[in-house]
Amino acid sequence: MTLKPAAAVAPAGRDARILIVDDSAVARAVMGRMIAAKSTLVIAGAVPDARQALAFLKTARVDAIVLDIEMPGVDGLTALPDLIAAGRGAKILVVSSSCDDGGTAAIQALAQGAADTLVKPGSGAFAGRFAEVLVEKLTRMLEAEQTIPAAMTPSLPVASMAGGFDIVAVGASTGGIHALSLMLREIPPSFELPILITQHLPNSFMPYFAAQVAVLARRPCDVALDRMRIRPGRVIIAPGDAHLRVVSLGEGAAGIRLTHEASRSGCLPSVDPMFDSLAGVYGARALCVVLSGMGRDGSEGAQRIVAAGGSVVVQDRDSSVVWGMPGAVAAAGAARAILPPEEIGRLIATRRRPA
């Protein structure tokens, strides 16, 4: 299967086009100046509400949308699904004061398909660090990860499966919450195996994220604590300030250890320690999944899983917000299947692993 580059990545030699949607004229003007100051970004439009944004997108293509959640009339969260569809691959950065402290609005936006969130300061504070982070997030979201070969290992048909697994571990970053929500919906409540998740998020977001996952997975979900026991039918997510590692407790039982060492990817939490420790404890009985995300976190751990006889499945390029993490695993030859998140969920539900 030939995997196409994401539609939202600006072609080489062309500046990325940005649409700002914010009801504040001051915010639109100030953020516009901040974004336009970056040589590779250009403001394609700036509109005060979702209705005008949808009208704009009918006649113009953009690479990214900066979206305020708190707007009169149709708020940004309500309009998000329509903007995703109208944007035809444009990545959406939600910028709102309600994203602070891990607010539910931020998690809901990410679950619906927003690429990232950013706290918007008060009207007198649009400067300094906010400008740097805004431009950095947009730039990273729009970077073409063209180091990943276009022609990759084909997706394996469901019939090409052998053996089973005893645990599922998922690694994700930018765009991963939406992919995770699509995947979890395909796994029935009767699925009894434990699921571990390392998602790159600030620590303050984790209680809201765990609550969202519990609803999506239709099973209990806990933020990992040191020495927590891994139990059937439950989901455990890594906290935002520690790596989740798996250790054997003897007699077939396993538990969690939280560590804080630097990772090669620079991420905390990092997917690599989770996968690496799973390889040592579960070996061929582990199924690991890598969803949308920037960078290469999870690639080294995935190779360790494969070396131990386990299986790794990654999200396909077309459905990923950013194909960095899954693409790196695929490029290393560690992916046994490359699938959309819904198909990954259905594969997990069979309790059979790709050969």
Protein backbone atom coordinates (compact mmCIF):
# COMPACT_ATOMS: atom_id res chain seq x y z
CA MET A 1 0.00 0.00 0.00
CA THR A 2 1.32 3.45 -0.87
CA LEU A 3 0.60 5.92 1.91
CA LYS A 4 0.04 9.51 0.80
CA PRO A 5 1.43 12.53 2.67
CA ALA A 6 -1.03 14.26 4.95
CA ALA A 7 -3.13 16.73 3.01
CA ALA A 8 -2.54 19.50 5.53
CA VAL A 9 1.21 19.69 5.04
CA ALA A 10 2.17 22.59 2.82
CA PRO A 11 4.11 21.51 -0.28
CA ALA A 12 7.81 22.25 -0.31
CA GLY A 13 8.48 25.85 -1.23
CA ARG A 14 5.05 27.13 -0.19
CA ASP A 15 4.28 28.95 3.05
CA ALA A 16 1.67 27.29 5.24
CA ARG A 17 -1.70 29.09 5.18
CA ILE A 18 -3.36 29.81 8.55
CA LEU A 19 -6.98 30.72 9.31
CA ILE A 20 -7.73 32.46 12.64
CA VAL A 21 -11.22 32.06 14.13
CA ASP A 22 -11.74 34.28 17.19
CA ASP A 23 -14.55 36.67 18.14
CA SER A 24 -12.07 39.22 19.56
CA ALA A 25 -10.77 41.64 16.95
CA VAL A 26 -7.79 42.37 19.19
CA ALA A 27 -6.93 38.67 19.51
CA ARG A 28 -7.23 38.16 15.75
CA ALA A 29 -4.96 41.12 15.02
CA VAL A 30 -2.33 40.27 17.62
CA MET A 31 -2.18 36.55 16.84
CA GLY A 32 -2.10 37.42 13.14
CA ARG A 33 0.99 39.56 13.65
CA MET A 34 2.64 36.84 15.74
CA ILE A 35 2.02 34.17 13.13
CA ALA A 36 2.93 36.35 10.13
CA ALA A 37 6.28 37.13 11.77
CA LYS A 38 7.29 33.52 11.07
CA SER A 39 8.73 33.38 7.57
CA THR A 40 7.10 30.03 6.71
CA LEU A 41 3.57 30.98 7.86
CA VAL A 42 1.05 33.28 6.18
CA ILE A 43 -2.37 34.45 7.37
CA ALA A 44 -4.94 33.26 4.83
CA GLY A 45 -7.87 34.77 6.73
CA ALA A 46 -9.16 35.94 10.12
CA VAL A 47 -12.86 35.68 10.95
CA PRO A 48 -14.96 36.29 14.10
CA ASP A 49 -17.11 33.16 14.22
CA ALA A 50 -17.58 29.58 13.07
CA ARG A 51 -20.20 30.48 10.46
CA GLN A 52 -17.81 32.79 8.62
CA ALA A 53 -15.01 30.24 9.00
CA LEU A 54 -17.11 27.59 7.27
CA ALA A 55 -18.00 30.04 4.49
CA PHE A 56 -14.31 30.91 4.07
CA LEU A 57 -13.32 27.23 3.84
CA LYS A 58 -15.79 26.63 1.02
CA THR A 59 -13.62 28.68 -1.32
CA ALA A 60 -10.14 28.54 0.21
CA ARG A 61 -7.72 25.86 1.38
CA VAL A 62 -5.70 26.30 4.55
CA ASP A 63 -3.09 24.18 6.29
CA ALA A 64 -4.07 25.02 9.87
CA ILE A 65 -6.85 26.70 11.82
CA VAL A 66 -6.36 28.58 15.10
CA LEU A 67 -9.72 28.20 16.82
CA ASP A 68 -11.08 29.93 19.91
CA ILE A 69 -13.51 27.77 21.92
CA GLU A 70 -15.34 30.58 23.72
CA MET A 71 -17.28 32.44 21.03
CA PRO A 72 -20.86 33.73 21.00
CA GLY A 73 -23.42 31.82 18.97
CA VAL A 74 -21.91 28.51 17.91
CA ASP A 75 -18.92 27.94 20.20
CA GLY A 76 -15.68 26.49 18.91
CA LEU A 77 -16.17 23.09 20.52
CA THR A 78 -19.58 22.65 18.87
CA ALA A 79 -18.24 23.82 15.51
CA LEU A 80 -15.10 21.69 15.65
CA PRO A 81 -16.41 18.61 13.76
CA ASP A 82 -17.76 20.79 10.93
CA LEU A 83 -14.50 22.74 10.74
CA ILE A 84 -12.50 19.52 10.60
CA ALA A 85 -14.61 18.32 7.67
CA ALA A 86 -14.56 21.68 5.88
CA GLY A 87 -10.81 22.05 6.46
CA ARG A 88 -10.07 18.98 4.31
CA GLY A 89 -7.05 17.93 6.31
CA ALA A 90 -6.22 21.25 7.99
CA LYS A 91 -4.82 20.79 11.47
CA ILE A 92 -6.70 22.63 14.21
CA LEU A 93 -5.02 24.33 17.17
CA VAL A 94 -7.55 25.20 19.87
CA VAL A 95 -6.51 28.41 21.64
CA SER A 96 -8.67 29.25 24.65
CA SER A 97 -8.51 30.24 28.28
CA SER A 98 -10.68 27.21 29.07
CA CYS A 99 -7.78 24.92 28.12
CA ASP A 100 -5.97 25.90 31.32
CA ASP A 101 -5.32 23.39 34.10
CA GLY A 102 -6.35 20.39 32.04
CA GLY A 103 -9.92 21.60 31.53
CA THR A 104 -12.52 19.24 30.15
CA ALA A 105 -12.91 21.49 27.10
CA ALA A 106 -9.33 20.77 26.05
CA ILE A 107 -9.74 17.00 26.37
CA GLN A 108 -13.06 17.14 24.51
CA ALA A 109 -11.46 19.16 21.71
CA LEU A 110 -8.58 16.72 21.39
CA ALA A 111 -10.95 13.73 21.44
CA GLN A 112 -12.97 15.30 18.61
CA GLY A 113 -9.90 15.72 16.44
CA ALA A 114 -8.11 18.96 17.37
CA ALA A 115 -4.37 18.55 16.84
CA ASP A 116 -3.32 20.49 19.94
CA THR A 117 -4.44 23.04 22.52
CA LEU A 118 -2.90 26.22 23.91
CA VAL A 119 -3.92 28.44 26.80
CA LYS A 120 -4.83 31.94 25.61
CA PRO A 121 -3.72 34.68 28.02
CA GLY A 122 -5.71 37.75 28.97
CA SER A 123 -5.97 40.63 26.51
CA GLY A 124 -3.03 42.43 28.09
CA ALA A 125 -0.70 39.43 27.96
CA PHE A 126 -0.46 38.59 24.24
CA ALA A 127 3.31 38.70 24.07
CA GLY A 128 6.54 36.97 24.95
CA ARG A 129 6.25 33.30 25.73
CA PHE A 130 2.73 32.94 24.30
CA ALA A 131 3.90 34.15 20.89
CA GLU A 132 6.80 31.71 20.94
CA VAL A 133 4.62 28.74 21.91
CA LEU A 134 1.89 29.63 19.40
CA VAL A 135 4.33 29.76 16.49
CA GLU A 136 6.23 26.71 17.73
CA LYS A 137 3.06 24.60 17.95
CA LEU A 138 1.88 25.65 14.51
CA THR A 139 5.29 25.06 12.98
CA ARG A 140 5.67 21.60 14.52
CA MET A 141 2.13 20.62 13.56
CA LEU A 142 2.80 21.56 9.96
CA GLU A 143 6.26 20.11 9.54
CA ALA A 144 6.30 17.60 6.71
CA GLU A 145 7.85 14.43 8.07
CA GLN A 146 9.18 13.49 4.68
CA THR A 147 11.99 11.38 6.13
CA ILE A 148 9.39 8.61 6.31
CA PRO A 149 9.34 6.71 3.00
CA ALA A 150 6.12 7.07 1.00
CA ALA A 151 5.93 3.36 0.20
CA MET A 152 5.65 1.33 3.40
CA THR A 153 4.85 -2.17 4.54
CA PRO A 154 1.30 -2.97 3.36
CA SER A 155 -1.53 -3.41 5.82
CA LEU A 156 -1.96 -7.07 6.66
CA PRO A 157 -5.39 -8.62 6.12
CA VAL A 158 -7.20 -9.77 9.24
CA ALA A 159 -6.90 -13.36 8.01
CA SER A 160 -3.11 -13.16 8.35
CA MET A 161 -3.06 -13.53 12.11
CA ALA A 162 -1.65 -16.08 14.50
CA GLY A 163 -1.61 -16.54 18.25
CA GLY A 164 -3.03 -14.26 20.89
CA PHE A 165 -1.87 -11.72 23.46
CA ASP A 166 -2.38 -11.00 27.15
CA ILE A 167 -2.01 -7.22 27.28
CA VAL A 168 -2.41 -4.17 25.02
CA ALA A 169 -0.15 -1.12 25.29
CA VAL A 170 -0.80 2.11 23.35
CA GLY A 171 1.56 5.03 22.72
CA ALA A 172 0.37 8.34 21.27
CA SER A 173 0.99 12.07 21.10
CA THR A 174 -0.37 14.86 18.87
CA GLY A 175 -3.67 13.72 17.37
CA GLY A 176 -3.56 10.58 19.47
CA ILE A 177 -6.57 11.26 21.68
CA HIS A 178 -8.92 11.39 18.71
CA ALA A 179 -7.38 8.23 17.25
CA LEU A 180 -7.61 6.56 20.65
CA SER A 181 -11.30 7.43 20.92
CA LEU A 182 -11.98 5.87 17.51
CA MET A 183 -10.00 2.76 18.44
CA LEU A 184 -11.59 2.24 21.86
CA ARG A 185 -15.12 2.46 20.49
CA GLU A 186 -14.47 -0.72 18.51
CA ILE A 187 -13.43 -2.74 21.58
CA PRO A 188 -16.47 -4.25 23.35
CA PRO A 189 -17.00 -3.90 27.13
CA SER A 190 -16.60 -7.68 27.37
CA PHE A 191 -12.92 -7.40 26.36
CA GLU A 192 -11.13 -8.40 29.57
CA LEU A 193 -7.45 -7.84 28.86
CA PRO A 194 -5.68 -4.88 30.52
CA ILE A 195 -4.87 -1.83 28.39
CA LEU A 196 -1.94 0.50 29.15
CA ILE A 197 -1.70 3.96 27.60
CA THR A 198 1.13 6.47 27.40
CA GLN A 199 -0.19 9.71 25.88
CA HIS A 200 1.93 12.86 25.81
CA LEU A 201 -0.09 15.32 27.93
CA PRO A 202 0.62 17.70 30.83
CA ASN A 203 0.11 16.11 34.25
CA SER A 204 -2.81 18.44 35.04
CA PHE A 205 -4.76 16.99 32.10
CA MET A 206 -4.56 13.39 33.32
CA PRO A 207 -7.64 13.18 35.60
CA TYR A 208 -9.80 14.58 32.79
CA PHE A 209 -8.13 12.30 30.26
CA ALA A 210 -8.71 9.25 32.48
CA ALA A 211 -12.39 10.15 32.87
CA GLN A 212 -12.73 10.53 29.08
CA VAL A 213 -11.01 7.19 28.44
CA ALA A 214 -13.25 5.43 30.96
CA VAL A 215 -16.31 6.64 29.06
CA LEU A 216 -14.87 5.73 25.66
CA ALA A 217 -13.55 2.33 26.74
CA ARG A 218 -16.60 1.52 28.89
CA ARG A 219 -14.38 0.20 31.64
CA PRO A 220 -12.52 1.61 34.68
CA CYS A 221 -9.51 3.79 33.90
CA ASP A 222 -6.87 4.87 36.43
CA VAL A 223 -3.92 7.23 36.31
CA ALA A 224 -0.99 4.97 37.18
CA LEU A 225 0.37 4.93 40.70
CA ASP A 226 3.68 3.37 41.69
CA ARG A 227 3.29 -0.32 42.58
CA MET A 228 -0.24 -0.47 41.15
CA ARG A 229 -1.23 -3.98 40.12
CA ILE A 230 -2.25 -4.61 36.49
CA ARG A 231 -5.73 -6.13 36.51
CA PRO A 232 -8.00 -7.57 33.82
CA GLY A 233 -10.65 -5.35 32.30
CA ARG A 234 -9.05 -2.07 33.33
CA VAL A 235 -7.17 0.74 31.61
CA ILE A 236 -4.11 2.35 33.18
CA ILE A 237 -2.64 5.59 31.78
CA ALA A 238 0.80 6.99 32.47
CA PRO A 239 0.84 10.16 34.58
CA GLY A 240 2.10 13.30 32.91
CA ASP A 241 5.29 13.42 34.98
CA ALA A 242 6.60 9.84 35.01
CA HIS A 243 7.32 6.86 32.75
CA LEU A 244 5.04 3.85 33.11
CA ARG A 245 7.07 0.65 33.38
CA VAL A 246 5.80 -2.92 33.75
CA VAL A 247 7.37 -5.34 36.25
CA SER A 248 6.72 -8.99 37.02
CA LEU A 249 5.21 -9.73 40.43
CA GLY A 250 5.65 -13.48 40.07
CA GLU A 251 3.14 -16.27 39.43
CA GLY A 252 1.92 -14.59 36.24
CA ALA A 253 1.03 -11.26 37.88
CA ALA A 254 2.40 -7.88 36.79
CA GLY A 255 2.46 -4.39 38.20
CA ILE A 256 3.47 -0.81 37.53
CA ARG A 257 6.60 1.09 38.47
CA LEU A 258 6.88 4.82 37.83
CA THR A 259 10.31 6.20 36.93
CA HIS A 260 11.62 9.65 36.04
CA GLU A 261 14.88 9.08 34.16
CA ALA A 262 15.65 11.03 30.99
CA SER A 263 14.49 9.28 27.82
CA ARG A 264 16.20 9.37 24.46
CA SER A 265 13.10 10.93 22.92
CA GLY A 266 13.09 13.68 25.55
CA CYS A 267 9.47 12.86 26.43
CA LEU A 268 8.10 12.43 29.93
CA PRO A 269 6.18 10.19 29.92
CA SER A 270 7.83 8.27 27.11
CA VAL A 271 6.40 5.35 25.18
CA ASP A 272 9.80 3.63 24.87
CA PRO A 273 10.15 2.63 28.56
CA MET A 274 6.63 1.19 28.56
CA PHE A 275 7.26 -0.91 25.46
CA ASP A 276 10.76 -1.89 26.59
CA SER A 277 9.54 -3.15 29.96
CA LEU A 278 6.59 -4.97 28.36
CA ALA A 279 9.01 -6.87 26.13
CA GLY A 280 10.86 -8.13 29.19
CA VAL A 281 7.74 -9.20 31.10
CA TYR A 282 5.22 -10.27 28.43
CA GLY A 283 7.44 -11.02 25.42
CA ALA A 284 5.43 -12.64 22.63
CA ARG A 285 2.20 -12.12 24.59
CA ALA A 286 2.27 -8.31 24.15
CA LEU A 287 0.41 -6.33 21.51
CA CYS A 288 1.60 -2.73 21.16
CA VAL A 289 -0.07 0.09 19.23
CA VAL A 290 1.44 3.40 18.09
CA LEU A 291 -1.01 6.15 17.18
CA SER A 292 -0.62 9.66 15.75
CA GLY A 293 2.18 11.75 17.23
CA MET A 294 5.22 13.91 16.52
CA GLY A 295 8.75 12.62 16.73
CA ARG A 296 10.05 9.06 17.14
CA ASP A 297 9.00 8.11 20.67
CA GLY A 298 8.09 4.43 20.76
CA SER A 299 10.27 3.38 17.83
CA GLU A 300 13.07 1.84 19.90
CA GLY A 301 10.65 0.15 22.29
CA ALA A 302 8.67 -1.25 19.36
CA GLN A 303 11.80 -2.90 17.99
CA ARG A 304 12.41 -4.48 21.39
CA ILE A 305 8.83 -5.82 21.40
CA VAL A 306 9.32 -7.41 17.98
CA ALA A 307 12.67 -8.90 19.04
CA ALA A 308 10.89 -10.49 22.02
CA GLY A 309 8.29 -12.04 19.73
CA GLY A 310 5.49 -9.53 20.36
CA SER A 311 3.54 -7.60 17.74
CA VAL A 312 3.28 -3.90 16.92
CA VAL A 313 0.49 -2.21 14.96
CA VAL A 314 0.64 1.44 13.88
CA GLN A 315 -1.89 3.98 12.68
CA ASP A 316 -1.85 4.68 8.94
CA ARG A 317 -0.58 7.95 7.50
CA ASP A 318 -3.87 9.12 6.01
CA SER A 319 -5.78 9.04 9.31
CA SER A 320 -2.94 10.47 11.43
CA VAL A 321 -2.73 14.14 12.39
CA VAL A 322 1.05 13.65 12.42
CA TRP A 323 2.63 10.43 11.14
CA GLY A 324 5.88 10.91 13.05
CA MET A 325 5.68 8.23 15.74
CA PRO A 326 3.82 5.56 13.75
CA GLY A 327 5.85 6.39 10.65
CA ALA A 328 9.13 5.93 12.52
CA VAL A 329 8.04 2.48 13.69
CA ALA A 330 7.00 1.55 10.16
CA ALA A 331 10.26 2.86 8.70
CA ALA A 332 12.20 0.71 11.17
CA GLY A 333 10.37 -2.38 9.94
CA ALA A 334 8.72 -3.04 13.32
CA ALA A 335 5.08 -2.60 12.24
CA ARG A 336 3.22 -5.84 11.59
CA ALA A 337 0.19 -3.90 10.32
CA ILE A 338 -0.58 -0.31 9.32
CA LEU A 339 -4.26 0.45 9.84
CA PRO A 340 -6.78 3.21 10.62
CA PRO A 341 -7.63 3.39 14.34
CA GLU A 342 -11.07 1.83 13.92
CA GLU A 343 -9.52 -1.23 12.28
CA ILE A 344 -6.90 -1.42 15.01
CA GLY A 345 -9.72 -1.51 17.56
CA ARG A 346 -11.48 -4.30 15.68
CA LEU A 347 -8.20 -6.22 15.47
CA ILE A 348 -7.71 -5.89 19.24
CA ALA A 349 -11.26 -7.09 19.84
CA THR A 350 -10.47 -10.40 18.06
CA ARG A 351 -7.77 -11.11 20.65
CA ARG A 352 -5.61 -12.31 17.79
CA ARG A 353 -2.38 -10.62 16.80
CA PRO A 354 -0.98 -9.93 13.34
CA ALA A 355 1.54 -12.54 12.25
